[in-house]
């Protein structure tokens, strides 16, 4: 059963079908509902049609990791790093670099 929040977001999307925030919000709701394939559809749409929506890359990469697609996760993080740099979004850049390093096994922490 879909949540009321998700239902409302889907209704909003009918009126604003190209709104990247709505697509992002729907994707994250599907993640919460453990419906990864539906979330994947919305996140991949964002990358294809709203490539500058920087928040997508972290969450899509994490979803690829959950789906055991490490190559897609790394590629997604790399794309996000490029977008974050272009947008001068230091916070997103830092998060994407950290998650990329972790996924690639490059996170060197002292024990």
N, C-alpha and C. Protein backbone atom coordinates (compact mmCIF):
# COMPACT_ATOMS: atom_id res chain seq x y z
N UNK A 1 0.85 -1.19 0.00
CA UNK A 1 0.00 0.00 0.00
C UNK A 1 0.89 1.25 0.00
N UNK A 2 0.56 2.18 -0.83
CA UNK A 2 1.35 3.41 -0.93
C UNK A 2 1.01 4.35 0.21
N UNK A 3 2.03 5.07 0.63
CA UNK A 3 1.79 6.05 1.70
C UNK A 3 1.02 7.24 1.16
N UNK A 4 0.35 7.93 2.07
CA UNK A 4 -0.38 9.15 1.69
C UNK A 4 0.58 10.17 1.10
N UNK A 5 1.77 10.26 1.69
CA UNK A 5 2.78 11.20 1.18
C UNK A 5 3.14 10.89 -0.27
N UNK A 6 3.37 9.62 -0.55
CA UNK A 6 3.71 9.21 -1.91
C UNK A 6 2.55 9.51 -2.87
N UNK A 7 1.36 9.22 -2.45
CA UNK A 7 0.19 9.49 -3.30
C UNK A 7 0.10 10.97 -3.65
N UNK A 8 0.33 11.82 -2.66
CA UNK A 8 0.29 13.26 -2.91
C UNK A 8 1.39 13.69 -3.86
N UNK A 9 2.59 13.16 -3.67
CA UNK A 9 3.70 13.50 -4.56
C UNK A 9 3.41 13.07 -6.00
N UNK A 10 2.83 11.90 -6.15
CA UNK A 10 2.49 11.42 -7.50
C UNK A 10 1.42 12.32 -8.14
N UNK A 11 0.48 12.81 -7.34
CA UNK A 11 -0.53 13.74 -7.86
C UNK A 11 0.12 15.05 -8.28
N UNK A 12 1.04 15.56 -7.47
CA UNK A 12 1.75 16.79 -7.82
C UNK A 12 2.52 16.61 -9.12
N UNK A 13 3.12 15.43 -9.28
CA UNK A 13 3.92 15.17 -10.49
C UNK A 13 3.04 15.17 -11.74
N UNK A 14 1.80 14.77 -11.61
CA UNK A 14 0.89 14.83 -12.77
C UNK A 14 0.75 16.25 -13.27
N UNK A 15 0.74 17.22 -12.35
CA UNK A 15 0.61 18.63 -12.71
C UNK A 15 1.93 19.26 -13.13
N UNK A 16 3.03 18.73 -12.63
CA UNK A 16 4.37 19.26 -12.92
C UNK A 16 5.29 18.10 -13.31
N UNK A 17 5.07 17.50 -14.47
CA UNK A 17 5.79 16.27 -14.83
C UNK A 17 7.30 16.43 -15.03
N UNK A 18 7.77 17.64 -15.14
CA UNK A 18 9.22 17.84 -15.31
C UNK A 18 9.88 18.45 -14.08
N UNK A 19 9.23 18.40 -12.96
CA UNK A 19 9.78 18.96 -11.74
C UNK A 19 10.78 17.98 -11.12
N UNK A 20 12.07 18.32 -11.12
CA UNK A 20 13.06 17.38 -10.60
C UNK A 20 12.92 17.12 -9.10
N UNK A 21 12.51 18.13 -8.34
CA UNK A 21 12.35 17.90 -6.91
C UNK A 21 11.28 16.86 -6.64
N UNK A 22 10.17 16.91 -7.36
CA UNK A 22 9.11 15.93 -7.16
C UNK A 22 9.59 14.52 -7.51
N UNK A 23 10.33 14.40 -8.61
CA UNK A 23 10.86 13.10 -9.00
C UNK A 23 11.81 12.57 -7.92
N UNK A 24 12.64 13.45 -7.40
CA UNK A 24 13.58 13.08 -6.35
C UNK A 24 12.83 12.63 -5.09
N UNK A 25 11.82 13.40 -4.69
CA UNK A 25 11.04 13.07 -3.50
C UNK A 25 10.32 11.73 -3.67
N UNK A 26 9.80 11.48 -4.85
CA UNK A 26 9.12 10.20 -5.12
C UNK A 26 10.12 9.05 -5.04
N UNK A 27 11.27 9.24 -5.64
CA UNK A 27 12.31 8.20 -5.60
C UNK A 27 12.69 7.87 -4.16
N UNK A 28 12.88 8.89 -3.35
CA UNK A 28 13.28 8.63 -1.96
C UNK A 28 12.13 7.98 -1.17
N UNK A 29 10.90 8.31 -1.49
CA UNK A 29 9.77 7.64 -0.84
C UNK A 29 9.76 6.16 -1.21
N UNK A 30 10.03 5.84 -2.47
CA UNK A 30 10.08 4.44 -2.86
C UNK A 30 11.21 3.71 -2.15
N UNK A 31 12.32 4.37 -1.92
CA UNK A 31 13.41 3.75 -1.16
C UNK A 31 12.92 3.42 0.25
N UNK A 32 12.25 4.37 0.88
CA UNK A 32 11.73 4.16 2.24
C UNK A 32 10.75 2.99 2.26
N UNK A 33 9.97 2.86 1.20
CA UNK A 33 8.98 1.78 1.11
C UNK A 33 9.60 0.47 0.63
N UNK A 34 10.92 0.47 0.46
CA UNK A 34 11.67 -0.72 0.03
C UNK A 34 11.23 -1.20 -1.37
N UNK A 35 10.91 -0.25 -2.22
CA UNK A 35 10.55 -0.55 -3.60
C UNK A 35 11.68 -0.02 -4.50
N UNK A 36 12.81 -0.74 -4.47
CA UNK A 36 14.02 -0.27 -5.12
C UNK A 36 13.87 -0.07 -6.63
N UNK A 37 13.16 -0.95 -7.30
CA UNK A 37 13.05 -0.82 -8.76
C UNK A 37 12.28 0.44 -9.16
N UNK A 38 11.25 0.76 -8.41
CA UNK A 38 10.51 2.00 -8.69
C UNK A 38 11.38 3.22 -8.39
N UNK A 39 12.12 3.15 -7.29
CA UNK A 39 13.04 4.25 -6.95
C UNK A 39 14.07 4.40 -8.04
N UNK A 40 14.61 3.29 -8.52
CA UNK A 40 15.62 3.31 -9.56
C UNK A 40 15.11 4.01 -10.82
N UNK A 41 13.89 3.74 -11.17
CA UNK A 41 13.29 4.37 -12.36
C UNK A 41 13.30 5.89 -12.24
N UNK A 42 12.91 6.39 -11.09
CA UNK A 42 12.87 7.85 -10.90
C UNK A 42 14.27 8.45 -10.81
N UNK A 43 15.17 7.80 -10.09
CA UNK A 43 16.54 8.32 -9.99
C UNK A 43 17.22 8.33 -11.37
N UNK A 44 17.03 7.26 -12.14
CA UNK A 44 17.66 7.21 -13.46
C UNK A 44 17.06 8.27 -14.40
N UNK A 45 15.77 8.52 -14.26
CA UNK A 45 15.15 9.60 -15.03
C UNK A 45 15.78 10.95 -14.68
N UNK A 46 16.04 11.16 -13.41
CA UNK A 46 16.67 12.41 -12.99
C UNK A 46 18.04 12.57 -13.62
N UNK A 47 18.84 11.52 -13.62
CA UNK A 47 20.18 11.59 -14.21
C UNK A 47 20.10 11.88 -15.70
N UNK A 48 19.12 11.28 -16.37
CA UNK A 48 18.99 11.48 -17.82
C UNK A 48 18.41 12.84 -18.18
N UNK A 49 17.43 13.28 -17.43
CA UNK A 49 16.68 14.49 -17.81
C UNK A 49 16.94 15.72 -16.96
N UNK A 50 17.61 15.53 -15.85
CA UNK A 50 17.91 16.64 -14.93
C UNK A 50 19.30 16.41 -14.35
N UNK A 51 20.28 16.30 -15.22
CA UNK A 51 21.63 15.90 -14.83
C UNK A 51 22.25 16.83 -13.80
N UNK A 52 21.78 18.06 -13.72
CA UNK A 52 22.36 19.01 -12.76
C UNK A 52 21.72 18.94 -11.37
N UNK A 53 20.78 18.04 -11.17
CA UNK A 53 20.15 17.88 -9.86
C UNK A 53 21.08 17.02 -9.00
N UNK A 54 21.98 17.69 -8.33
CA UNK A 54 23.14 17.05 -7.71
C UNK A 54 22.77 16.04 -6.61
N UNK A 55 21.67 16.25 -5.92
CA UNK A 55 21.28 15.33 -4.85
C UNK A 55 21.01 13.91 -5.31
N UNK A 56 20.72 13.75 -6.57
CA UNK A 56 20.40 12.45 -7.12
C UNK A 56 21.56 11.47 -7.00
N UNK A 57 22.75 11.94 -7.25
CA UNK A 57 23.89 11.04 -7.44
C UNK A 57 24.25 10.25 -6.19
N UNK A 58 24.20 10.87 -5.05
CA UNK A 58 24.50 10.17 -3.81
C UNK A 58 23.50 9.03 -3.60
N UNK A 59 22.22 9.35 -3.70
CA UNK A 59 21.18 8.37 -3.42
C UNK A 59 21.08 7.28 -4.48
N UNK A 60 21.28 7.65 -5.73
CA UNK A 60 21.29 6.64 -6.78
C UNK A 60 22.48 5.70 -6.60
N UNK A 61 23.64 6.25 -6.28
CA UNK A 61 24.80 5.41 -6.04
C UNK A 61 24.57 4.45 -4.89
N UNK A 62 23.99 4.94 -3.80
CA UNK A 62 23.68 4.08 -2.66
C UNK A 62 22.69 2.97 -3.05
N UNK A 63 21.72 3.33 -3.89
CA UNK A 63 20.75 2.34 -4.34
C UNK A 63 21.44 1.27 -5.18
N UNK A 64 22.34 1.69 -6.07
CA UNK A 64 23.10 0.72 -6.84
C UNK A 64 23.92 -0.20 -5.93
N UNK A 65 24.47 0.36 -4.86
CA UNK A 65 25.20 -0.48 -3.92
C UNK A 65 24.27 -1.51 -3.28
N UNK A 66 23.07 -1.09 -2.88
CA UNK A 66 22.09 -2.03 -2.30
C UNK A 66 21.72 -3.12 -3.30
N UNK A 67 21.65 -2.74 -4.57
CA UNK A 67 21.29 -3.69 -5.62
C UNK A 67 22.49 -4.51 -6.10
N UNK A 68 23.61 -4.36 -5.39
CA UNK A 68 24.84 -5.08 -5.69
C UNK A 68 25.32 -4.82 -7.13
N UNK A 69 25.32 -3.53 -7.48
CA UNK A 69 25.84 -3.07 -8.77
C UNK A 69 26.95 -2.06 -8.51
N UNK A 70 28.10 -2.54 -8.00
CA UNK A 70 29.16 -1.62 -7.60
C UNK A 70 29.72 -0.78 -8.74
N UNK A 71 29.80 -1.31 -9.93
CA UNK A 71 30.33 -0.52 -11.05
C UNK A 71 29.41 0.65 -11.36
N UNK A 72 28.10 0.42 -11.32
CA UNK A 72 27.14 1.51 -11.55
C UNK A 72 27.21 2.53 -10.43
N UNK A 73 27.41 2.06 -9.20
CA UNK A 73 27.52 2.98 -8.06
C UNK A 73 28.73 3.89 -8.23
N UNK A 74 29.88 3.32 -8.55
CA UNK A 74 31.09 4.12 -8.73
C UNK A 74 30.94 5.13 -9.86
N UNK A 75 30.37 4.68 -10.96
CA UNK A 75 30.15 5.57 -12.11
C UNK A 75 29.23 6.72 -11.72
N UNK A 76 28.19 6.42 -10.97
CA UNK A 76 27.23 7.43 -10.54
C UNK A 76 27.90 8.44 -9.61
N UNK A 77 28.69 7.96 -8.67
CA UNK A 77 29.40 8.87 -7.77
C UNK A 77 30.34 9.77 -8.57
N UNK A 78 31.04 9.21 -9.54
CA UNK A 78 31.95 10.01 -10.36
C UNK A 78 31.20 11.09 -11.13
N UNK A 79 30.05 10.73 -11.70
CA UNK A 79 29.24 11.72 -12.41
C UNK A 79 28.79 12.82 -11.45
N UNK A 80 28.38 12.43 -10.27
CA UNK A 80 27.94 13.39 -9.27
C UNK A 80 29.06 14.34 -8.86
N UNK A 81 30.27 13.82 -8.75
CA UNK A 81 31.41 14.66 -8.40
C UNK A 81 31.62 15.73 -9.46
N UNK A 82 31.50 15.36 -10.72
CA UNK A 82 31.64 16.31 -11.82
C UNK A 82 30.56 17.40 -11.73
N UNK A 83 29.33 16.97 -11.48
CA UNK A 83 28.21 17.92 -11.38
C UNK A 83 28.39 18.84 -10.18
N UNK A 84 28.75 18.28 -9.04
CA UNK A 84 28.93 19.09 -7.83
C UNK A 84 30.04 20.12 -8.02
N UNK A 85 31.13 19.71 -8.68
CA UNK A 85 32.20 20.68 -8.96
C UNK A 85 31.70 21.80 -9.85
N UNK A 86 30.97 21.45 -10.90
CA UNK A 86 30.47 22.45 -11.84
C UNK A 86 29.52 23.43 -11.15
N UNK A 87 28.74 22.92 -10.20
CA UNK A 87 27.79 23.77 -9.49
C UNK A 87 28.41 24.46 -8.28
N UNK A 88 29.69 24.14 -8.03
CA UNK A 88 30.40 24.69 -6.87
C UNK A 88 29.67 24.37 -5.56
N UNK A 89 29.13 23.17 -5.48
CA UNK A 89 28.42 22.70 -4.30
C UNK A 89 29.41 21.88 -3.47
N UNK A 90 30.09 22.55 -2.57
CA UNK A 90 31.15 21.91 -1.79
C UNK A 90 30.64 20.81 -0.87
N UNK A 91 29.46 21.02 -0.31
CA UNK A 91 28.91 20.01 0.59
C UNK A 91 28.64 18.71 -0.17
N UNK A 92 27.94 18.81 -1.30
CA UNK A 92 27.66 17.62 -2.10
C UNK A 92 28.94 16.99 -2.60
N UNK A 93 29.89 17.82 -3.02
CA UNK A 93 31.17 17.31 -3.51
C UNK A 93 31.87 16.50 -2.42
N UNK A 94 31.91 17.03 -1.22
CA UNK A 94 32.55 16.33 -0.12
C UNK A 94 31.87 14.99 0.16
N UNK A 95 30.54 14.99 0.19
CA UNK A 95 29.80 13.75 0.44
C UNK A 95 30.04 12.73 -0.66
N UNK A 96 30.02 13.19 -1.90
CA UNK A 96 30.21 12.28 -3.03
C UNK A 96 31.63 11.72 -3.06
N UNK A 97 32.61 12.55 -2.76
CA UNK A 97 33.98 12.05 -2.73
C UNK A 97 34.15 11.01 -1.63
N UNK A 98 33.56 11.26 -0.47
CA UNK A 98 33.68 10.32 0.64
C UNK A 98 33.02 8.98 0.32
N UNK A 99 31.82 9.03 -0.25
CA UNK A 99 31.11 7.79 -0.56
C UNK A 99 31.79 7.06 -1.72
N UNK A 100 32.34 7.81 -2.67
CA UNK A 100 33.10 7.18 -3.76
C UNK A 100 34.31 6.46 -3.19
N UNK A 101 35.06 7.15 -2.34
CA UNK A 101 36.26 6.56 -1.75
C UNK A 101 35.91 5.28 -0.97
N UNK A 102 34.82 5.33 -0.22
CA UNK A 102 34.39 4.16 0.53
C UNK A 102 34.02 3.01 -0.39
N UNK A 103 33.22 3.30 -1.42
CA UNK A 103 32.79 2.26 -2.36
C UNK A 103 33.96 1.68 -3.15
N UNK A 104 34.97 2.51 -3.40
CA UNK A 104 36.12 2.06 -4.17
C UNK A 104 37.19 1.43 -3.27
N UNK A 105 36.94 1.41 -1.96
CA UNK A 105 37.92 0.85 -1.03
C UNK A 105 39.09 1.76 -0.78
N UNK A 106 38.89 3.05 -0.95
CA UNK A 106 39.97 4.02 -0.79
C UNK A 106 39.89 4.79 0.51
N UNK A 107 38.98 4.41 1.38
CA UNK A 107 38.84 5.14 2.64
C UNK A 107 39.85 4.59 3.65
N UNK A 108 40.86 5.36 3.90
CA UNK A 108 41.95 4.96 4.78
C UNK A 108 41.74 5.57 6.15
N UNK A 109 41.20 4.79 7.05
CA UNK A 109 41.01 5.27 8.41
C UNK A 109 42.03 4.57 9.30
N UNK A 110 42.54 5.31 10.25
CA UNK A 110 43.45 4.71 11.22
C UNK A 110 42.65 3.84 12.18
N UNK A 111 43.16 2.67 12.46
CA UNK A 111 42.47 1.79 13.41
C UNK A 111 42.87 2.11 14.82
